[in-house]
Structures are given as C-alpha cells and as structure tokens.
C-alpha cells in the first residue's frame, strides 16, 4: 500500500543541488545571447560557448538554476519587464571548472529549458 505521506515530490533538474552548491555569476555581451534577456529567477538553462580548439558550439553546463537576473544598470529584475544580461546561478562543485572554461572562451550562449 502506498500512502500519500510516503510520496515525495522531486524535480530531476533541481535535485542535483540537494547535496550543495555555490553561487556565482555569468554575463553575456548582448541580451540576444541569453534568450533576448527574458531569463528570470527560477529558470533552468544550459550554458554553451564556442570551443576555440574546434570552433564548435559546445555544451559546458546543463540544467543550471538561475537564482537572479540583472539588467545592464545592475538592477535585479523581478518581473517580465527589462532585459537581463547578467545572471546569478547555482553551480555544483563538479560544474565550476567547465563553466569557467566557457567564460574564458569569451562569448557564452544561454539556452532556456
């Protein structure tokens, strides 16, 4: 018998943060590199960059949680108004190196899930 109190809601994309995370920020040079600046807190994104060795668009981090969206004036965006160009994200320990590599390649491209 399965009882209602024995059922736990899970979210496969967010459960990866249950064991801990750090917070960092990323930015894009233009809002069109980040879903036209429409990303907001709670969105789940994938982070890509062009690998300089292969000149191919490469996935560097998958299912990343956006903790905050910031406009070009440094204001946090809480509504659909405005275009975000900088983002505070949650990062797991094993994602840090990959995300930093994408940042070092220059132009990050963000895709919303």
PDB file of N, CA and C in Angstrom:
ATOM      1  N   UNK A   1       0.858  -1.178   0.000  1.00  0.00           N
ATOM      2  CA  UNK A   1       0.000   0.000   0.000  1.00  0.00           C
ATOM      3  C   UNK A   1       0.891   1.225   0.000  1.00  0.00           C
ATOM      4  N   UNK A   2       0.525   2.180  -0.825  1.00  0.00           N
ATOM      5  CA  UNK A   2       1.251   3.437  -0.909  1.00  0.00           C
ATOM      6  C   UNK A   2       0.399   4.539  -0.289  1.00  0.00           C
ATOM      7  N   UNK A   3       0.951   5.202   0.727  1.00  0.00           N
ATOM      8  CA  UNK A   3       0.235   6.277   1.395  1.00  0.00           C
ATOM      9  C   UNK A   3       0.717   7.623   0.879  1.00  0.00           C
ATOM     10  N   UNK A   4      -0.187   8.599   0.864  1.00  0.00           N
ATOM     11  CA  UNK A   4       0.131   9.924   0.347  1.00  0.00           C
ATOM     12  C   UNK A   4       1.340  10.534   1.057  1.00  0.00           C
ATOM     13  N   UNK A   5       1.463  10.371   2.361  1.00  0.00           N
ATOM     14  CA  UNK A   5       2.589  10.941   3.101  1.00  0.00           C
ATOM     15  C   UNK A   5       3.931  10.292   2.743  1.00  0.00           C
ATOM     16  N   UNK A   6       3.884   9.171   2.039  1.00  0.00           N
ATOM     17  CA  UNK A   6       5.107   8.495   1.619  1.00  0.00           C
ATOM     18  C   UNK A   6       5.577   8.927   0.235  1.00  0.00           C
ATOM     19  N   UNK A   7       4.829   9.805  -0.400  1.00  0.00           N
ATOM     20  CA  UNK A   7       5.180  10.292  -1.734  1.00  0.00           C
ATOM     21  C   UNK A   7       5.921  11.611  -1.583  1.00  0.00           C
ATOM     22  N   UNK A   8       7.077  11.692  -2.197  1.00  0.00           N
ATOM     23  CA  UNK A   8       7.878  12.907  -2.144  1.00  0.00           C
ATOM     24  C   UNK A   8       7.983  13.506  -3.533  1.00  0.00           C
ATOM     25  N   UNK A   9       7.732  14.786  -3.613  1.00  0.00           N
ATOM     26  CA  UNK A   9       7.870  15.473  -4.895  1.00  0.00           C
ATOM     27  C   UNK A   9       9.360  15.623  -5.199  1.00  0.00           C
ATOM     28  N   UNK A  10       9.724  15.341  -6.421  1.00  0.00           N
ATOM     29  CA  UNK A  10      11.107  15.531  -6.848  1.00  0.00           C
ATOM     30  C   UNK A  10      11.119  16.323  -8.141  1.00  0.00           C
ATOM     31  N   UNK A  11      12.215  16.951  -8.369  1.00  0.00           N
ATOM     32  CA  UNK A  11      12.428  17.695  -9.599  1.00  0.00           C
ATOM     33  C   UNK A  11      13.819  17.310 -10.075  1.00  0.00           C
ATOM     34  N   UNK A  12      13.890  16.504 -11.094  1.00  0.00           N
ATOM     35  CA  UNK A  12      15.168  15.967 -11.567  1.00  0.00           C
ATOM     36  C   UNK A  12      16.179  17.067 -11.862  1.00  0.00           C
ATOM     37  N   UNK A  13      15.737  18.203 -12.337  1.00  0.00           N
ATOM     38  CA  UNK A  13      16.660  19.272 -12.682  1.00  0.00           C
ATOM     39  C   UNK A  13      17.195  19.988 -11.439  1.00  0.00           C
ATOM     40  N   UNK A  14      16.394  20.077 -10.382  1.00  0.00           N
ATOM     41  CA  UNK A  14      16.819  20.777  -9.175  1.00  0.00           C
ATOM     42  C   UNK A  14      17.396  19.862  -8.107  1.00  0.00           C
ATOM     43  N   UNK A  15      17.079  18.591  -8.157  1.00  0.00           N
ATOM     44  CA  UNK A  15      17.564  17.664  -7.138  1.00  0.00           C
ATOM     45  C   UNK A  15      19.082  17.590  -7.102  1.00  0.00           C
ATOM     46  N   UNK A  16      19.743  17.958  -8.199  1.00  0.00           N
ATOM     47  CA  UNK A  16      21.205  17.910  -8.206  1.00  0.00           C
ATOM     48  C   UNK A  16      21.804  18.895  -7.197  1.00  0.00           C
ATOM     49  N   UNK A  17      21.027  19.864  -6.724  1.00  0.00           N
ATOM     50  CA  UNK A  17      21.517  20.847  -5.760  1.00  0.00           C
ATOM     51  C   UNK A  17      21.305  20.426  -4.305  1.00  0.00           C
ATOM     52  N   UNK A  18      20.651  19.293  -4.076  1.00  0.00           N
ATOM     53  CA  UNK A  18      20.375  18.852  -2.715  1.00  0.00           C
ATOM     54  C   UNK A  18      21.649  18.603  -1.915  1.00  0.00           C
ATOM     55  N   UNK A  19      22.709  18.181  -2.578  1.00  0.00           N
ATOM     56  CA  UNK A  19      23.961  17.909  -1.875  1.00  0.00           C
ATOM     57  C   UNK A  19      24.834  19.152  -1.749  1.00  0.00           C
ATOM     58  N   UNK A  20      24.320  20.289  -2.172  1.00  0.00           N
ATOM     59  CA  UNK A  20      25.050  21.545  -2.019  1.00  0.00           C
ATOM     60  C   UNK A  20      25.384  22.216  -3.337  1.00  0.00           C
ATOM     61  N   UNK A  21      25.648  23.488  -3.250  1.00  0.00           N
ATOM     62  CA  UNK A  21      26.004  24.277  -4.425  1.00  0.00           C
ATOM     63  C   UNK A  21      26.672  25.562  -3.979  1.00  0.00           C
ATOM     64  N   UNK A  22      27.298  26.226  -4.924  1.00  0.00           N
ATOM     65  CA  UNK A  22      27.850  27.554  -4.724  1.00  0.00           C
ATOM     66  C   UNK A  22      27.116  28.494  -5.660  1.00  0.00           C
ATOM     67  N   UNK A  23      27.238  29.770  -5.399  1.00  0.00           N
ATOM     68  CA  UNK A  23      26.583  30.768  -6.226  1.00  0.00           C
ATOM     69  C   UNK A  23      27.664  31.582  -6.924  1.00  0.00           C
ATOM     70  N   UNK A  24      27.476  31.792  -8.232  1.00  0.00           N
ATOM     71  CA  UNK A  24      28.402  32.617  -8.997  1.00  0.00           C
ATOM     72  C   UNK A  24      27.582  33.417 -10.004  1.00  0.00           C
ATOM     73  N   UNK A  25      28.249  34.205 -10.802  1.00  0.00           N
ATOM     74  CA  UNK A  25      27.523  34.970 -11.813  1.00  0.00           C
ATOM     75  C   UNK A  25      28.187  34.809 -13.171  1.00  0.00           C
ATOM     76  N   UNK A  26      27.365  34.959 -14.185  1.00  0.00           N
ATOM     77  CA  UNK A  26      27.836  34.950 -15.570  1.00  0.00           C
ATOM     78  C   UNK A  26      27.162  36.110 -16.277  1.00  0.00           C
ATOM     79  N   UNK A  27      27.758  36.546 -17.349  1.00  0.00           N
ATOM     80  CA  UNK A  27      27.136  37.613 -18.128  1.00  0.00           C
ATOM     81  C   UNK A  27      27.300  37.313 -19.605  1.00  0.00           C
ATOM     82  N   UNK A  28      26.497  37.986 -20.388  1.00  0.00           N
ATOM     83  CA  UNK A  28      26.582  37.888 -21.841  1.00  0.00           C
ATOM     84  C   UNK A  28      26.811  39.285 -22.380  1.00  0.00           C
ATOM     85  N   UNK A  29      27.430  39.375 -23.546  1.00  0.00           N
ATOM     86  CA  UNK A  29      27.752  40.686 -24.102  1.00  0.00           C
ATOM     87  C   UNK A  29      26.521  41.396 -24.638  1.00  0.00           C
ATOM     88  N   UNK A  30      25.516  40.626 -24.986  1.00  0.00           N
ATOM     89  CA  UNK A  30      24.306  41.209 -25.559  1.00  0.00           C
ATOM     90  C   UNK A  30      23.128  40.340 -25.155  1.00  0.00           C
ATOM     91  N   UNK A  31      21.987  40.970 -24.931  1.00  0.00           N
ATOM     92  CA  UNK A  31      20.816  40.234 -24.451  1.00  0.00           C
ATOM     93  C   UNK A  31      20.377  39.123 -25.396  1.00  0.00           C
ATOM     94  N   UNK A  32      20.694  39.225 -26.687  1.00  0.00           N
ATOM     95  CA  UNK A  32      20.260  38.188 -27.630  1.00  0.00           C
ATOM     96  C   UNK A  32      21.030  36.878 -27.444  1.00  0.00           C
ATOM     97  N   UNK A  33      22.080  36.891 -26.640  1.00  0.00           N
ATOM     98  CA  UNK A  33      22.821  35.662 -26.330  1.00  0.00           C
ATOM     99  C   UNK A  33      22.191  34.918 -25.146  1.00  0.00           C
ATOM    100  N   UNK A  34      21.152  35.510 -24.558  1.00  0.00           N
ATOM    101  CA  UNK A  34      20.523  34.922 -23.369  1.00  0.00           C
ATOM    102  C   UNK A  34      19.007  35.014 -23.485  1.00  0.00           C
ATOM    103  N   UNK A  35      18.468  34.365 -24.489  1.00  0.00           N
ATOM    104  CA  UNK A  35      17.011  34.292 -24.698  1.00  0.00           C
ATOM    105  C   UNK A  35      16.414  35.705 -24.721  1.00  0.00           C
ATOM    106  N   UNK A  36      17.086  36.596 -25.413  1.00  0.00           N
ATOM    107  CA  UNK A  36      16.671  38.001 -25.543  1.00  0.00           C
ATOM    108  C   UNK A  36      16.442  38.680 -24.204  1.00  0.00           C
ATOM    109  N   UNK A  37      17.215  38.289 -23.205  1.00  0.00           N
ATOM    110  CA  UNK A  37      17.157  38.943 -21.905  1.00  0.00           C
ATOM    111  C   UNK A  37      15.956  38.584 -21.069  1.00  0.00           C
ATOM    112  N   UNK A  38      15.207  37.560 -21.447  1.00  0.00           N
ATOM    113  CA  UNK A  38      13.962  37.214 -20.758  1.00  0.00           C
ATOM    114  C   UNK A  38      14.133  36.176 -19.651  1.00  0.00           C
ATOM    115  N   UNK A  39      15.349  35.751 -19.368  1.00  0.00           N
ATOM    116  CA  UNK A  39      15.568  34.810 -18.273  1.00  0.00           C
ATOM    117  C   UNK A  39      15.315  35.492 -16.941  1.00  0.00           C
ATOM    118  N   UNK A  40      14.743  34.737 -16.008  1.00  0.00           N
ATOM    119  CA  UNK A  40      14.453  35.263 -14.680  1.00  0.00           C
ATOM    120  C   UNK A  40      14.738  34.196 -13.629  1.00  0.00           C
ATOM    121  N   UNK A  41      14.688  34.607 -12.380  1.00  0.00           N
ATOM    122  CA  UNK A  41      14.877  33.687 -11.267  1.00  0.00           C
ATOM    123  C   UNK A  41      13.957  32.484 -11.418  1.00  0.00           C
ATOM    124  N   UNK A  42      14.518  31.312 -11.212  1.00  0.00           N
ATOM    125  CA  UNK A  42      13.753  30.079 -11.313  1.00  0.00           C
ATOM    126  C   UNK A  42      13.886  29.365 -12.638  1.00  0.00           C
ATOM    127  N   UNK A  43      14.425  30.046 -13.645  1.00  0.00           N
ATOM    128  CA  UNK A  43      14.602  29.402 -14.947  1.00  0.00           C
ATOM    129  C   UNK A  43      15.743  28.389 -14.886  1.00  0.00           C
ATOM    130  N   UNK A  44      15.650  27.385 -15.732  1.00  0.00           N
ATOM    131  CA  UNK A  44      16.687  26.365 -15.873  1.00  0.00           C
ATOM    132  C   UNK A  44      17.319  26.558 -17.249  1.00  0.00           C
ATOM    133  N   UNK A  45      18.648  26.622 -17.282  1.00  0.00           N
ATOM    134  CA  UNK A  45      19.349  26.933 -18.525  1.00  0.00           C
ATOM    135  C   UNK A  45      20.460  25.923 -18.809  1.00  0.00           C
ATOM    136  N   UNK A  46      20.895  25.923 -20.064  1.00  0.00           N
ATOM    137  CA  UNK A  46      22.115  25.241 -20.485  1.00  0.00           C
ATOM    138  C   UNK A  46      23.089  26.330 -20.922  1.00  0.00           C
ATOM    139  N   UNK A  47      24.374  26.126 -20.630  1.00  0.00           N
ATOM    140  CA  UNK A  47      25.400  27.109 -20.956  1.00  0.00           C
ATOM    141  C   UNK A  47      26.315  26.533 -22.033  1.00  0.00           C
ATOM    142  N   UNK A  48      26.419  27.265 -23.129  1.00  0.00           N
ATOM    143  CA  UNK A  48      27.255  26.880 -24.261  1.00  0.00           C
ATOM    144  C   UNK A  48      28.305  27.958 -24.518  1.00  0.00           C
ATOM    145  N   UNK A  49      29.368  27.573 -25.184  1.00  0.00           N
ATOM    146  CA  UNK A  49      30.357  28.514 -25.693  1.00  0.00           C
ATOM    147  C   UNK A  49      31.018  27.865 -26.897  1.00  0.00           C
ATOM    148  N   UNK A  50      31.632  28.661 -27.726  1.00  0.00           N
ATOM    149  CA  UNK A  50      32.350  28.128 -28.879  1.00  0.00           C
ATOM    150  C   UNK A  50      33.727  27.673 -28.409  1.00  0.00           C
ATOM    151  N   UNK A  51      33.999  26.390 -28.556  1.00  0.00           N
ATOM    152  CA  UNK A  51      35.286  25.809 -28.199  1.00  0.00           C
ATOM    153  C   UNK A  51      36.324  26.342 -29.183  1.00  0.00           C
ATOM    154  N   UNK A  52      37.342  27.013 -28.664  1.00  0.00           N
ATOM    155  CA  UNK A  52      38.344  27.634 -29.537  1.00  0.00           C
ATOM    156  C   UNK A  52      39.175  26.614 -30.311  1.00  0.00           C
ATOM    157  N   UNK A  53      39.319  25.428 -29.777  1.00  0.00           N
ATOM    158  CA  UNK A  53      40.116  24.398 -30.460  1.00  0.00           C
ATOM    159  C   UNK A  53      39.386  23.803 -31.649  1.00  0.00           C
ATOM    160  N   UNK A  54      38.060  23.657 -31.525  1.00  0.00           N
ATOM    161  CA  UNK A  54      37.295  23.007 -32.596  1.00  0.00           C
ATOM    162  C   UNK A  54      36.403  23.975 -33.362  1.00  0.00           C
ATOM    163  N   UNK A  55      36.225  25.181 -32.839  1.00  0.00           N
ATOM    164  CA  UNK A  55      35.344  26.192 -33.420  1.00  0.00           C
ATOM    165  C   UNK A  55      33.890  25.706 -33.475  1.00  0.00           C
ATOM    166  N   UNK A  56      33.515  24.823 -32.537  1.00  0.00           N
ATOM    167  CA  UNK A  56      32.153  24.299 -32.474  1.00  0.00           C
ATOM    168  C   UNK A  56      31.462  24.772 -31.202  1.00  0.00           C
ATOM    169  N   UNK A  57      30.168  25.012 -31.305  1.00  0.00           N
ATOM    170  CA  UNK A  57      29.370  25.353 -30.143  1.00  0.00           C
ATOM    171  C   UNK A  57      29.287  24.121 -29.246  1.00  0.00           C
ATOM    172  N   UNK A  58      29.696  24.273 -27.999  1.00  0.00           N
ATOM    173  CA  UNK A  58      29.834  23.142 -27.092  1.00  0.00           C
ATOM    174  C   UNK A  58      29.063  23.399 -25.799  1.00  0.00           C
ATOM    175  N   UNK A  59      28.390  22.368 -25.308  1.00  0.00           N
ATOM    176  CA  UNK A  59      27.671  22.442 -24.041  1.00  0.00           C
ATOM    177  C   UNK A  59      28.674  22.332 -22.897  1.00  0.00           C
ATOM    178  N   UNK A  60      28.647  23.318 -21.979  1.00  0.00           N
ATOM    179  CA  UNK A  60      29.560  23.313 -20.837  1.00  0.00           C
ATOM    180  C   UNK A  60      28.867  23.061 -19.508  1.00  0.00           C
ATOM    181  N   UNK A  61      27.581  23.370 -19.410  1.00  0.00           N
ATOM    182  CA  UNK A  61      26.834  23.107 -18.170  1.00  0.00           C
ATOM    183  C   UNK A  61      25.368  22.942 -18.529  1.00  0.00           C
ATOM    184  N   UNK A  62      24.760  21.937 -17.914  1.00  0.00           N
ATOM    185  CA  UNK A  62      23.381  21.584 -18.244  1.00  0.00           C
ATOM    186  C   UNK A  62      22.503  21.691 -17.001  1.00  0.00           C
ATOM    187  N   UNK A  63      21.269  22.127 -17.196  1.00  0.00           N
ATOM    188  CA  UNK A  63      20.278  22.225 -16.124  1.00  0.00           C
ATOM    189  C   UNK A  63      20.775  23.095 -14.971  1.00  0.00           C
ATOM    190  N   UNK A  64      21.204  24.297 -15.294  1.00  0.00           N
ATOM    191  CA  UNK A  64      21.711  25.251 -14.313  1.00  0.00           C
ATOM    192  C   UNK A  64      20.555  26.148 -13.865  1.00  0.00           C
ATOM    193  N   UNK A  65      20.442  26.343 -12.555  1.00  0.00           N
ATOM    194  CA  UNK A  65      19.360  27.136 -11.977  1.00  0.00           C
ATOM    195  C   UNK A  65      19.746  28.606 -11.938  1.00  0.00           C
ATOM    196  N   UNK A  66      18.871  29.477 -12.447  1.00  0.00           N
ATOM    197  CA  UNK A  66      19.080  30.923 -12.392  1.00  0.00           C
ATOM    198  C   UNK A  66      18.503  31.438 -11.078  1.00  0.00           C
ATOM    199  N   UNK A  67      19.374  31.983 -10.227  1.00  0.00           N
ATOM    200  CA  UNK A  67      18.943  32.498  -8.925  1.00  0.00           C
ATOM    201  C   UNK A  67      18.561  33.974  -8.989  1.00  0.00           C
ATOM    202  N   UNK A  68      19.081  34.703  -9.976  1.00  0.00           N
ATOM    203  CA  UNK A  68      18.738  36.124 -10.142  1.00  0.00           C
ATOM    204  C   UNK A  68      19.098  36.552 -11.555  1.00  0.00           C
ATOM    205  N   UNK A  69      18.378  37.548 -12.052  1.00  0.00           N
ATOM    206  CA  UNK A  69      18.644  38.134 -13.368  1.00  0.00           C
ATOM    207  C   UNK A  69      18.856  39.638 -13.170  1.00  0.00           C
ATOM    208  N   UNK A  70      19.910  40.169 -13.792  1.00  0.00           N
ATOM    209  CA  UNK A  70      20.320  41.556 -13.592  1.00  0.00           C
ATOM    210  C   UNK A  70      20.359  42.271 -14.947  1.00  0.00           C
ATOM    211  N   UNK A  71      19.871  43.515 -14.972  1.00  0.00           N
ATOM    212  CA  UNK A  71      19.927  44.280 -16.219  1.00  0.00           C
ATOM    213  C   UNK A  71      21.260  45.010 -16.345  1.00  0.00           C
ATOM    214  N   UNK A  72      21.448  45.740 -17.433  1.00  0.00           N
ATOM    215  CA  UNK A  72      22.726  46.398 -17.703  1.00  0.00           C
ATOM    216  C   UNK A  72      23.036  47.527 -16.729  1.00  0.00           C
ATOM    217  N   UNK A  73      22.045  47.976 -15.956  1.00  0.00           N
ATOM    218  CA  UNK A  73      22.265  49.017 -14.946  1.00  0.00           C
ATOM    219  C   UNK A  73      22.556  48.426 -13.569  1.00  0.00           C
ATOM    220  N   UNK A  74      22.556  47.105 -13.470  1.00  0.00           N
ATOM    221  CA  UNK A  74      22.836  46.465 -12.199  1.00  0.00           C
ATOM    222  C   UNK A  74      21.613  46.219 -11.339  1.00  0.00           C
ATOM    223  N   UNK A  75      20.433  46.414 -11.907  1.00  0.00           N
ATOM    224  CA  UNK A  75      19.196  46.207 -11.161  1.00  0.00           C
ATOM    225  C   UNK A  75      18.701  44.780 -11.322  1.00  0.00           C
ATOM    226  N   UNK A  76      18.269  44.177 -10.212  1.00  0.00           N
ATOM    227  CA  UNK A  76      17.716  42.833 -10.279  1.00  0.00           C
ATOM    228  C   UNK A  76      16.316  42.903 -10.873  1.00  0.00           C
ATOM    229  N   UNK A  77      16.051  42.027 -11.818  1.00  0.00           N
ATOM    230  CA  UNK A  77      14.759  42.002 -12.496  1.00  0.00           C
ATOM    231  C   UNK A  77      13.858  40.960 -11.849  1.00  0.00           C
ATOM    232  N   UNK A  78      12.688  41.405 -11.403  1.00  0.00           N
ATOM    233  CA  UNK A  78      11.735  40.505 -10.746  1.00  0.00           C
ATOM    234  C   UNK A  78      10.488  40.276 -11.590  1.00  0.00           C
ATOM    235  N   UNK A  79      10.277  41.108 -12.611  1.00  0.00           N
ATOM    236  CA  UNK A  79       9.114  40.981 -13.472  1.00  0.00           C
ATOM    237  C   UNK A  79       9.586  40.682 -14.891  1.00  0.00           C
ATOM    238  N   UNK A  80       8.646  40.585 -15.819  1.00  0.00           N
ATOM    239  CA  UNK A  80       8.997  40.335 -17.218  1.00  0.00           C
ATOM    240  C   UNK A  80       9.554  41.573 -17.918  1.00  0.00           C
ATOM    241  N   UNK A  81       9.458  42.725 -17.264  1.00  0.00           N
ATOM    242  CA  UNK A  81       9.956  43.965 -17.862  1.00  0.00           C
ATOM    243  C   UNK A  81      11.481  44.013 -17.797  1.00  0.00           C
ATOM    244  N   UNK A  82      12.101  44.527 -18.848  1.00  0.00           N
ATOM    245  CA  UNK A  82      13.538  44.702 -18.876  1.00  0.00           C
ATOM    246  C   UNK A  82      14.255  43.517 -19.500  1.00  0.00           C
ATOM    247  N   UNK A  83      15.529  43.741 -19.832  1.00  0.00           N
ATOM    248  CA  UNK A  83      16.361  42.709 -20.450  1.00  0.00           C
ATOM    249  C   UNK A  83      17.544  42.397 -19.545  1.00  0.00           C
ATOM    250  N   UNK A  84      17.687  41.129 -19.204  1.00  0.00           N
ATOM    251  CA  UNK A  84      18.786  40.698 -18.347  1.00  0.00           C
ATOM    252  C   UNK A  84      20.022  40.377 -19.177  1.00  0.00           C
ATOM    253  N   UNK A  85      21.185  40.789 -18.676  1.00  0.00           N
ATOM    254  CA  UNK A  85      22.452  40.483 -19.342  1.00  0.00           C
ATOM    255  C   UNK A  85      23.451  39.825 -18.393  1.00  0.00           C
ATOM    256  N   UNK A  86      23.088  39.741 -17.116  1.00  0.00           N
ATOM    257  CA  UNK A  86      23.938  39.104 -16.125  1.00  0.00           C
ATOM    258  C   UNK A  86      23.052  38.236 -15.238  1.00  0.00           C
ATOM    259  N   UNK A  87      23.616  37.109 -14.787  1.00  0.00           N
ATOM    260  CA  UNK A  87      22.797  36.143 -14.062  1.00  0.00           C
ATOM    261  C   UNK A  87      23.564  35.561 -12.892  1.00  0.00           C
ATOM    262  N   UNK A  88      22.897  35.455 -11.764  1.00  0.00           N
ATOM    263  CA  UNK A  88      23.431  34.718 -10.634  1.00  0.00           C
ATOM    264  C   UNK A  88      22.916  33.295 -10.784  1.00  0.00           C
ATOM    265  N   UNK A  89      23.837  32.334 -10.719  1.00  0.00           N
ATOM    266  CA  UNK A  89      23.452  30.940 -10.954  1.00  0.00           C
ATOM    267  C   UNK A  89      23.973  30.054  -9.820  1.00  0.00           C
ATOM    268  N   UNK A  90      23.316  28.905  -9.655  1.00  0.00           N
ATOM    269  CA  UNK A  90      23.788  27.887  -8.728  1.00  0.00           C
ATOM    270  C   UNK A  90      24.715  26.944  -9.485  1.00  0.00           C
ATOM    271  N   UNK A  91      25.838  26.637  -8.860  1.00  0.00           N
ATOM    272  CA  UNK A  91      26.848  25.803  -9.507  1.00  0.00           C
ATOM    273  C   UNK A  91      27.287  24.704  -8.546  1.00  0.00           C
ATOM    274  N   UNK A  92      27.278  23.486  -9.028  1.00  0.00           N
ATOM    275  CA  UNK A  92      27.808  22.376  -8.237  1.00  0.00           C
ATOM    276  C   UNK A  92      29.318  22.342  -8.394  1.00  0.00           C
ATOM    277  N   UNK A  93      29.980  21.781  -7.426  1.00  0.00           N
ATOM    278  CA  UNK A  93      31.447  21.721  -7.420  1.00  0.00           C
ATOM    279  C   UNK A  93      31.994  21.182  -8.737  1.00  0.00           C
ATOM    280  N   UNK A  94      31.394  20.108  -9.239  1.00  0.00           N
ATOM    281  CA  UNK A  94      31.916  19.485 -10.460  1.00  0.00           C
ATOM    282  C   UNK A  94      31.612  20.287 -11.724  1.00  0.00           C
ATOM    283  N   UNK A  95      30.802  21.344 -11.636  1.00  0.00           N
ATOM    284  CA  UNK A  95      30.488  22.187 -12.798  1.00  0.00           C
ATOM    285  C   UNK A  95      31.381  23.415 -12.893  1.00  0.00           C
ATOM    286  N   UNK A  96      32.046  23.776 -11.806  1.00  0.00           N
ATOM    287  CA  UNK A  96      32.793  25.030 -11.763  1.00  0.00           C
ATOM    288  C   UNK A  96      33.864  25.126 -12.846  1.00  0.00           C
ATOM    289  N   UNK A  97      34.660  24.105 -13.000  1.00  0.00           N
ATOM    290  CA  UNK A  97      35.739  24.153 -13.986  1.00  0.00           C
ATOM    291  C   UNK A  97      35.185  24.315 -15.406  1.00  0.00           C
ATOM    292  N   UNK A  98      34.136  23.584 -15.709  1.00  0.00           N
ATOM    293  CA  UNK A  98      33.556  23.640 -17.040  1.00  0.00           C
ATOM    294  C   UNK A  98      32.957  25.023 -17.330  1.00  0.00           C
ATOM    295  N   UNK A  99      32.251  25.585 -16.365  1.00  0.00           N
ATOM    296  CA  UNK A  99      31.662  26.915 -16.550  1.00  0.00           C
ATOM    297  C   UNK A  99      32.755  27.964 -16.689  1.00  0.00           C
ATOM    298  N   UNK A 100      33.809  27.873 -15.880  1.00  0.00           N
ATOM    299  CA  UNK A 100      34.920  28.819 -16.012  1.00  0.00           C
ATOM    300  C   UNK A 100      35.594  28.700 -17.367  1.00  0.00           C
ATOM    301  N   UNK A 101      35.687  27.501 -17.893  1.00  0.00           N
ATOM    302  CA  UNK A 101      36.267  27.310 -19.226  1.00  0.00           C
ATOM    303  C   UNK A 101      35.404  28.010 -20.274  1.00  0.00           C
ATOM    304  N   UNK A 102      34.086  27.863 -20.167  1.00  0.00           N
ATOM    305  CA  UNK A 102      33.182  28.534 -21.111  1.00  0.00           C
ATOM    306  C   UNK A 102      33.351  30.051 -21.023  1.00  0.00           C
ATOM    307  N   UNK A 103      33.458  30.568 -19.815  1.00  0.00           N
ATOM    308  CA  UNK A 103      33.644  32.009 -19.615  1.00  0.00           C
ATOM    309  C   UNK A 103      34.958  32.458 -20.255  1.00  0.00           C
ATOM    310  N   UNK A 104      36.008  31.680 -20.080  1.00  0.00           N
ATOM    311  CA  UNK A 104      37.314  32.042 -20.642  1.00  0.00           C
ATOM    312  C   UNK A 104      37.321  32.026 -22.170  1.00  0.00           C
ATOM    313  N   UNK A 105      36.459  31.220 -22.774  1.00  0.00           N
ATOM    314  CA  UNK A 105      36.376  31.200 -24.231  1.00  0.00           C
ATOM    315  C   UNK A 105      35.760  32.480 -24.771  1.00  0.00           C
ATOM    316  N   UNK A 106      35.137  33.248 -23.922  1.00  0.00           N
ATOM    317  CA  UNK A 106      34.605  34.529 -24.365  1.00  0.00           C
ATOM    318  C   UNK A 106      33.105  34.593 -24.360  1.00  0.00           C
ATOM    319  N   UNK A 107      32.494  34.341 -25.462  1.00  0.00           N
ATOM    320  CA  UNK A 107      31.062  34.555 -25.622  1.00  0.00           C
ATOM    321  C   UNK A 107      30.231  33.350 -25.194  1.00  0.00           C
ATOM    322  N   UNK A 108      29.544  33.493 -24.076  1.00  0.00           N
ATOM    323  CA  UNK A 108      28.641  32.465 -23.594  1.00  0.00           C
ATOM    324  C   UNK A 108      27.314  32.606 -24.324  1.00  0.00           C
ATOM    325  N   UNK A 109      26.702  31.483 -24.621  1.00  0.00           N
ATOM    326  CA  UNK A 109      25.339  31.461 -25.156  1.00  0.00           C
ATOM    327  C   UNK A 109      24.487  30.645 -24.198  1.00  0.00           C
ATOM    328  N   UNK A 110      23.330  31.181 -23.852  1.00  0.00           N
ATOM    329  CA  UNK A 110      22.462  30.552 -22.869  1.00  0.00           C
ATOM    330  C   UNK A 110      21.179  30.100 -23.558  1.00  0.00           C
ATOM    331  N   UNK A 111      20.785  28.882 -23.243  1.00  0.00           N
ATOM    332  CA  UNK A 111      19.544  28.312 -23.792  1.00  0.00           C
ATOM    333  C   UNK A 111      18.637  27.946 -22.630  1.00  0.00           C
ATOM    334  N   UNK A 112      17.406  28.408 -22.689  1.00  0.00           N
ATOM    335  CA  UNK A 112      16.425  28.115 -21.646  1.00  0.00           C
ATOM    336  C   UNK A 112      15.774  26.769 -21.912  1.00  0.00           C
ATOM    337  N   UNK A 113      15.579  26.003 -20.839  1.00  0.00           N
ATOM    338  CA  UNK A 113      14.927  24.697 -20.944  1.00  0.00           C
ATOM    339  C   UNK A 113      13.431  24.884 -21.011  1.00  0.00           C
TER     340      UNK A 113
END
